[in-house]
């Protein structure tokens, strides 16, 4: 069971690194969503995605 946890942590970290690595692609001012440039919208979306990913990892350990 411990091995599955470490594999899940590794996958979560790699996924975050990849999603934030493509971040410069989204460093644009248009389109704006809700008055915010897409740069900030992407950051907000990634905050939620990262939280969900790490919650899943935490449930795997539990």
PDB file of N, CA and C in Angstrom:
ATOM      1  N   UNK A   1       0.821  -1.199   0.000  1.00  0.00           N
ATOM      2  CA  UNK A   1       0.000   0.000   0.000  1.00  0.00           C
ATOM      3  C   UNK A   1       0.864   1.263   0.000  1.00  0.00           C
ATOM      4  N   UNK A   2       2.010   1.198   0.668  1.00  0.00           N
ATOM      5  CA  UNK A   2       2.901   2.346   0.719  1.00  0.00           C
ATOM      6  C   UNK A   2       3.440   2.692  -0.668  1.00  0.00           C
ATOM      7  N   UNK A   3       3.664   1.668  -1.471  1.00  0.00           N
ATOM      8  CA  UNK A   3       4.198   1.906  -2.813  1.00  0.00           C
ATOM      9  C   UNK A   3       3.185   2.676  -3.662  1.00  0.00           C
ATOM     10  N   UNK A   4       1.893   2.360  -3.543  1.00  0.00           N
ATOM     11  CA  UNK A   4       0.868   3.087  -4.296  1.00  0.00           C
ATOM     12  C   UNK A   4       0.835   4.559  -3.901  1.00  0.00           C
ATOM     13  N   UNK A   5       1.028   4.808  -2.617  1.00  0.00           N
ATOM     14  CA  UNK A   5       1.038   6.190  -2.136  1.00  0.00           C
ATOM     15  C   UNK A   5       2.187   6.975  -2.756  1.00  0.00           C
ATOM     16  N   UNK A   6       3.371   6.399  -2.760  1.00  0.00           N
ATOM     17  CA  UNK A   6       4.530   7.091  -3.320  1.00  0.00           C
ATOM     18  C   UNK A   6       4.392   7.286  -4.831  1.00  0.00           C
ATOM     19  N   UNK A   7       3.803   6.337  -5.493  1.00  0.00           N
ATOM     20  CA  UNK A   7       3.557   6.491  -6.933  1.00  0.00           C
ATOM     21  C   UNK A   7       2.552   7.616  -7.166  1.00  0.00           C
ATOM     22  N   UNK A   8       1.524   7.697  -6.354  1.00  0.00           N
ATOM     23  CA  UNK A   8       0.523   8.760  -6.486  1.00  0.00           C
ATOM     24  C   UNK A   8       1.130  10.132  -6.218  1.00  0.00           C
ATOM     25  N   UNK A   9       1.995  10.226  -5.222  1.00  0.00           N
ATOM     26  CA  UNK A   9       2.672  11.495  -4.927  1.00  0.00           C
ATOM     27  C   UNK A   9       3.553  11.897  -6.098  1.00  0.00           C
ATOM     28  N   UNK A  10       4.298  10.946  -6.644  1.00  0.00           N
ATOM     29  CA  UNK A  10       5.168  11.229  -7.782  1.00  0.00           C
ATOM     30  C   UNK A  10       4.365  11.720  -8.984  1.00  0.00           C
ATOM     31  N   UNK A  11       3.267  11.055  -9.277  1.00  0.00           N
ATOM     32  CA  UNK A  11       2.430  11.453 -10.415  1.00  0.00           C
ATOM     33  C   UNK A  11       1.844  12.843 -10.184  1.00  0.00           C
ATOM     34  N   UNK A  12       1.402  13.125  -8.958  1.00  0.00           N
ATOM     35  CA  UNK A  12       0.842  14.438  -8.652  1.00  0.00           C
ATOM     36  C   UNK A  12       1.885  15.534  -8.829  1.00  0.00           C
ATOM     37  N   UNK A  13       3.097  15.290  -8.372  1.00  0.00           N
ATOM     38  CA  UNK A  13       4.153  16.289  -8.520  1.00  0.00           C
ATOM     39  C   UNK A  13       4.516  16.514  -9.983  1.00  0.00           C
ATOM     40  N   UNK A  14       4.633  15.439 -10.733  1.00  0.00           N
ATOM     41  CA  UNK A  14       4.957  15.563 -12.159  1.00  0.00           C
ATOM     42  C   UNK A  14       3.843  16.301 -12.897  1.00  0.00           C
ATOM     43  N   UNK A  15       2.594  15.981 -12.574  1.00  0.00           N
ATOM     44  CA  UNK A  15       1.461  16.644 -13.222  1.00  0.00           C
ATOM     45  C   UNK A  15       1.476  18.139 -12.936  1.00  0.00           C
ATOM     46  N   UNK A  16       1.727  18.515 -11.691  1.00  0.00           N
ATOM     47  CA  UNK A  16       1.813  19.935 -11.361  1.00  0.00           C
ATOM     48  C   UNK A  16       2.958  20.622 -12.088  1.00  0.00           C
ATOM     49  N   UNK A  17       4.101  19.973 -12.136  1.00  0.00           N
ATOM     50  CA  UNK A  17       5.254  20.560 -12.815  1.00  0.00           C
ATOM     51  C   UNK A  17       4.944  20.781 -14.291  1.00  0.00           C
ATOM     52  N   UNK A  18       4.317  19.816 -14.927  1.00  0.00           N
ATOM     53  CA  UNK A  18       3.987  19.943 -16.352  1.00  0.00           C
ATOM     54  C   UNK A  18       2.959  21.052 -16.566  1.00  0.00           C
ATOM     55  N   UNK A  19       1.917  21.088 -15.731  1.00  0.00           N
ATOM     56  CA  UNK A  19       0.887  22.105 -15.914  1.00  0.00           C
ATOM     57  C   UNK A  19       1.412  23.514 -15.675  1.00  0.00           C
ATOM     58  N   UNK A  20       2.315  23.680 -14.731  1.00  0.00           N
ATOM     59  CA  UNK A  20       2.901  24.996 -14.509  1.00  0.00           C
ATOM     60  C   UNK A  20       4.015  25.306 -15.501  1.00  0.00           C
ATOM     61  N   UNK A  21       4.588  24.307 -16.131  1.00  0.00           N
ATOM     62  CA  UNK A  21       5.632  24.545 -17.127  1.00  0.00           C
ATOM     63  C   UNK A  21       5.074  25.144 -18.403  1.00  0.00           C
ATOM     64  N   UNK A  22       3.834  24.823 -18.727  1.00  0.00           N
ATOM     65  CA  UNK A  22       3.219  25.414 -19.919  1.00  0.00           C
ATOM     66  C   UNK A  22       2.617  26.773 -19.599  1.00  0.00           C
ATOM     67  N   UNK A  23       2.830  27.239 -18.374  1.00  0.00           N
ATOM     68  CA  UNK A  23       2.271  28.512 -17.918  1.00  0.00           C
ATOM     69  C   UNK A  23       2.630  29.688 -18.803  1.00  0.00           C
ATOM     70  N   UNK A  24       3.871  29.837 -19.284  1.00  0.00           N
ATOM     71  CA  UNK A  24       4.164  30.997 -20.134  1.00  0.00           C
ATOM     72  C   UNK A  24       3.284  31.081 -21.385  1.00  0.00           C
ATOM     73  N   UNK A  25       2.762  29.979 -21.824  1.00  0.00           N
ATOM     74  CA  UNK A  25       1.851  29.990 -22.967  1.00  0.00           C
ATOM     75  C   UNK A  25       0.601  30.794 -22.632  1.00  0.00           C
ATOM     76  N   UNK A  26       0.197  30.768 -21.362  1.00  0.00           N
ATOM     77  CA  UNK A  26      -1.030  31.444 -20.949  1.00  0.00           C
ATOM     78  C   UNK A  26      -0.769  32.843 -20.400  1.00  0.00           C
ATOM     79  N   UNK A  27       0.442  33.357 -20.535  1.00  0.00           N
ATOM     80  CA  UNK A  27       0.774  34.687 -20.052  1.00  0.00           C
ATOM     81  C   UNK A  27       0.353  35.720 -21.091  1.00  0.00           C
ATOM     82  N   UNK A  28      -0.952  35.848 -21.250  1.00  0.00           N
ATOM     83  CA  UNK A  28      -1.525  36.770 -22.226  1.00  0.00           C
ATOM     84  C   UNK A  28      -2.601  37.609 -21.543  1.00  0.00           C
ATOM     85  N   UNK A  29      -2.919  38.741 -22.132  1.00  0.00           N
ATOM     86  CA  UNK A  29      -3.947  39.593 -21.535  1.00  0.00           C
ATOM     87  C   UNK A  29      -5.323  39.314 -22.116  1.00  0.00           C
ATOM     88  N   UNK A  30      -5.385  38.776 -23.316  1.00  0.00           N
ATOM     89  CA  UNK A  30      -6.682  38.438 -23.897  1.00  0.00           C
ATOM     90  C   UNK A  30      -6.737  36.944 -24.131  1.00  0.00           C
ATOM     91  N   UNK A  31      -7.790  36.273 -23.946  1.00  0.00           N
ATOM     92  CA  UNK A  31      -9.095  36.795 -23.541  1.00  0.00           C
ATOM     93  C   UNK A  31      -9.122  37.071 -22.039  1.00  0.00           C
ATOM     94  N   UNK A  32      -9.986  37.979 -21.655  1.00  0.00           N
ATOM     95  CA  UNK A  32     -10.166  38.221 -20.224  1.00  0.00           C
ATOM     96  C   UNK A  32     -11.462  37.546 -19.799  1.00  0.00           C
ATOM     97  N   UNK A  33     -11.446  36.964 -18.646  1.00  0.00           N
ATOM     98  CA  UNK A  33     -12.623  36.267 -18.125  1.00  0.00           C
ATOM     99  C   UNK A  33     -12.998  36.943 -16.809  1.00  0.00           C
ATOM    100  N   UNK A  34     -14.185  37.483 -16.751  1.00  0.00           N
ATOM    101  CA  UNK A  34     -14.631  38.165 -15.545  1.00  0.00           C
ATOM    102  C   UNK A  34     -13.815  39.413 -15.248  1.00  0.00           C
ATOM    103  N   UNK A  35     -13.262  40.040 -16.271  1.00  0.00           N
ATOM    104  CA  UNK A  35     -12.461  41.237 -16.085  1.00  0.00           C
ATOM    105  C   UNK A  35     -11.010  40.964 -15.722  1.00  0.00           C
ATOM    106  N   UNK A  36     -10.660  39.691 -15.522  1.00  0.00           N
ATOM    107  CA  UNK A  36      -9.293  39.320 -15.197  1.00  0.00           C
ATOM    108  C   UNK A  36      -8.594  38.801 -16.452  1.00  0.00           C
ATOM    109  N   UNK A  37      -7.322  39.154 -16.635  1.00  0.00           N
ATOM    110  CA  UNK A  37      -6.580  38.555 -17.750  1.00  0.00           C
ATOM    111  C   UNK A  37      -6.486  37.039 -17.565  1.00  0.00           C
ATOM    112  N   UNK A  38      -6.328  36.334 -18.635  1.00  0.00           N
ATOM    113  CA  UNK A  38      -6.305  34.870 -18.588  1.00  0.00           C
ATOM    114  C   UNK A  38      -5.171  34.358 -17.707  1.00  0.00           C
ATOM    115  N   UNK A  39      -4.104  35.144 -17.581  1.00  0.00           N
ATOM    116  CA  UNK A  39      -2.983  34.808 -16.709  1.00  0.00           C
ATOM    117  C   UNK A  39      -3.477  34.506 -15.293  1.00  0.00           C
ATOM    118  N   UNK A  40      -4.315  35.379 -14.755  1.00  0.00           N
ATOM    119  CA  UNK A  40      -4.818  35.203 -13.395  1.00  0.00           C
ATOM    120  C   UNK A  40      -5.882  34.119 -13.312  1.00  0.00           C
ATOM    121  N   UNK A  41      -6.693  34.013 -14.335  1.00  0.00           N
ATOM    122  CA  UNK A  41      -7.706  32.965 -14.359  1.00  0.00           C
ATOM    123  C   UNK A  41      -7.048  31.592 -14.350  1.00  0.00           C
ATOM    124  N   UNK A  42      -5.961  31.440 -15.103  1.00  0.00           N
ATOM    125  CA  UNK A  42      -5.237  30.172 -15.139  1.00  0.00           C
ATOM    126  C   UNK A  42      -4.661  29.840 -13.766  1.00  0.00           C
ATOM    127  N   UNK A  43      -4.144  30.853 -13.069  1.00  0.00           N
ATOM    128  CA  UNK A  43      -3.615  30.636 -11.725  1.00  0.00           C
ATOM    129  C   UNK A  43      -4.714  30.164 -10.764  1.00  0.00           C
ATOM    130  N   UNK A  44      -5.880  30.750 -10.844  1.00  0.00           N
ATOM    131  CA  UNK A  44      -6.997  30.360  -9.980  1.00  0.00           C
ATOM    132  C   UNK A  44      -7.436  28.933 -10.293  1.00  0.00           C
ATOM    133  N   UNK A  45      -7.515  28.611 -11.571  1.00  0.00           N
ATOM    134  CA  UNK A  45      -7.903  27.254 -11.971  1.00  0.00           C
ATOM    135  C   UNK A  45      -6.865  26.247 -11.491  1.00  0.00           C
ATOM    136  N   UNK A  46      -5.583  26.574 -11.634  1.00  0.00           N
ATOM    137  CA  UNK A  46      -4.529  25.658 -11.200  1.00  0.00           C
ATOM    138  C   UNK A  46      -4.517  25.474  -9.692  1.00  0.00           C
ATOM    139  N   UNK A  47      -4.889  26.496  -8.944  1.00  0.00           N
ATOM    140  CA  UNK A  47      -4.985  26.370  -7.496  1.00  0.00           C
ATOM    141  C   UNK A  47      -6.024  25.319  -7.129  1.00  0.00           C
ATOM    142  N   UNK A  48      -7.180  25.365  -7.785  1.00  0.00           N
ATOM    143  CA  UNK A  48      -8.228  24.379  -7.523  1.00  0.00           C
ATOM    144  C   UNK A  48      -7.816  22.985  -7.988  1.00  0.00           C
ATOM    145  N   UNK A  49      -7.206  22.889  -9.156  1.00  0.00           N
ATOM    146  CA  UNK A  49      -6.781  21.586  -9.689  1.00  0.00           C
ATOM    147  C   UNK A  49      -5.723  20.957  -8.784  1.00  0.00           C
ATOM    148  N   UNK A  50      -4.771  21.758  -8.344  1.00  0.00           N
ATOM    149  CA  UNK A  50      -3.726  21.242  -7.466  1.00  0.00           C
ATOM    150  C   UNK A  50      -4.304  20.758  -6.147  1.00  0.00           C
ATOM    151  N   UNK A  51      -5.247  21.507  -5.594  1.00  0.00           N
ATOM    152  CA  UNK A  51      -5.883  21.089  -4.340  1.00  0.00           C
ATOM    153  C   UNK A  51      -6.606  19.760  -4.507  1.00  0.00           C
ATOM    154  N   UNK A  52      -7.303  19.584  -5.610  1.00  0.00           N
ATOM    155  CA  UNK A  52      -8.027  18.334  -5.870  1.00  0.00           C
ATOM    156  C   UNK A  52      -7.046  17.174  -6.044  1.00  0.00           C
ATOM    157  N   UNK A  53      -5.962  17.416  -6.778  1.00  0.00           N
ATOM    158  CA  UNK A  53      -4.967  16.362  -6.990  1.00  0.00           C
ATOM    159  C   UNK A  53      -4.391  15.889  -5.660  1.00  0.00           C
ATOM    160  N   UNK A  54      -4.030  16.835  -4.801  1.00  0.00           N
ATOM    161  CA  UNK A  54      -3.421  16.453  -3.525  1.00  0.00           C
ATOM    162  C   UNK A  54      -4.446  15.866  -2.551  1.00  0.00           C
ATOM    163  N   UNK A  55      -5.712  16.238  -2.672  1.00  0.00           N
ATOM    164  CA  UNK A  55      -6.751  15.573  -1.871  1.00  0.00           C
ATOM    165  C   UNK A  55      -6.884  14.108  -2.276  1.00  0.00           C
ATOM    166  N   UNK A  56      -6.824  13.847  -3.567  1.00  0.00           N
ATOM    167  CA  UNK A  56      -6.887  12.466  -4.053  1.00  0.00           C
ATOM    168  C   UNK A  56      -5.710  11.658  -3.507  1.00  0.00           C
ATOM    169  N   UNK A  57      -4.524  12.266  -3.536  1.00  0.00           N
ATOM    170  CA  UNK A  57      -3.342  11.589  -3.008  1.00  0.00           C
ATOM    171  C   UNK A  57      -3.513  11.313  -1.510  1.00  0.00           C
ATOM    172  N   UNK A  58      -4.072  12.278  -0.792  1.00  0.00           N
ATOM    173  CA  UNK A  58      -4.274  12.098   0.653  1.00  0.00           C
ATOM    174  C   UNK A  58      -5.264  10.978   0.922  1.00  0.00           C
ATOM    175  N   UNK A  59      -6.294  10.844   0.109  1.00  0.00           N
ATOM    176  CA  UNK A  59      -7.267   9.764   0.285  1.00  0.00           C
ATOM    177  C   UNK A  59      -6.663   8.415  -0.046  1.00  0.00           C
ATOM    178  N   UNK A  60      -5.707   8.369  -0.958  1.00  0.00           N
ATOM    179  CA  UNK A  60      -5.043   7.107  -1.269  1.00  0.00           C
ATOM    180  C   UNK A  60      -4.278   6.625  -0.053  1.00  0.00           C
ATOM    181  N   UNK A  61      -3.650   7.553   0.660  1.00  0.00           N
ATOM    182  CA  UNK A  61      -2.886   7.155   1.846  1.00  0.00           C
ATOM    183  C   UNK A  61      -3.815   6.695   2.967  1.00  0.00           C
ATOM    184  N   UNK A  62      -4.964   7.375   3.099  1.00  0.00           N
ATOM    185  CA  UNK A  62      -5.888   7.093   4.201  1.00  0.00           C
ATOM    186  C   UNK A  62      -6.404   5.714   4.160  1.00  0.00           C
TER     187      UNK A  62
END
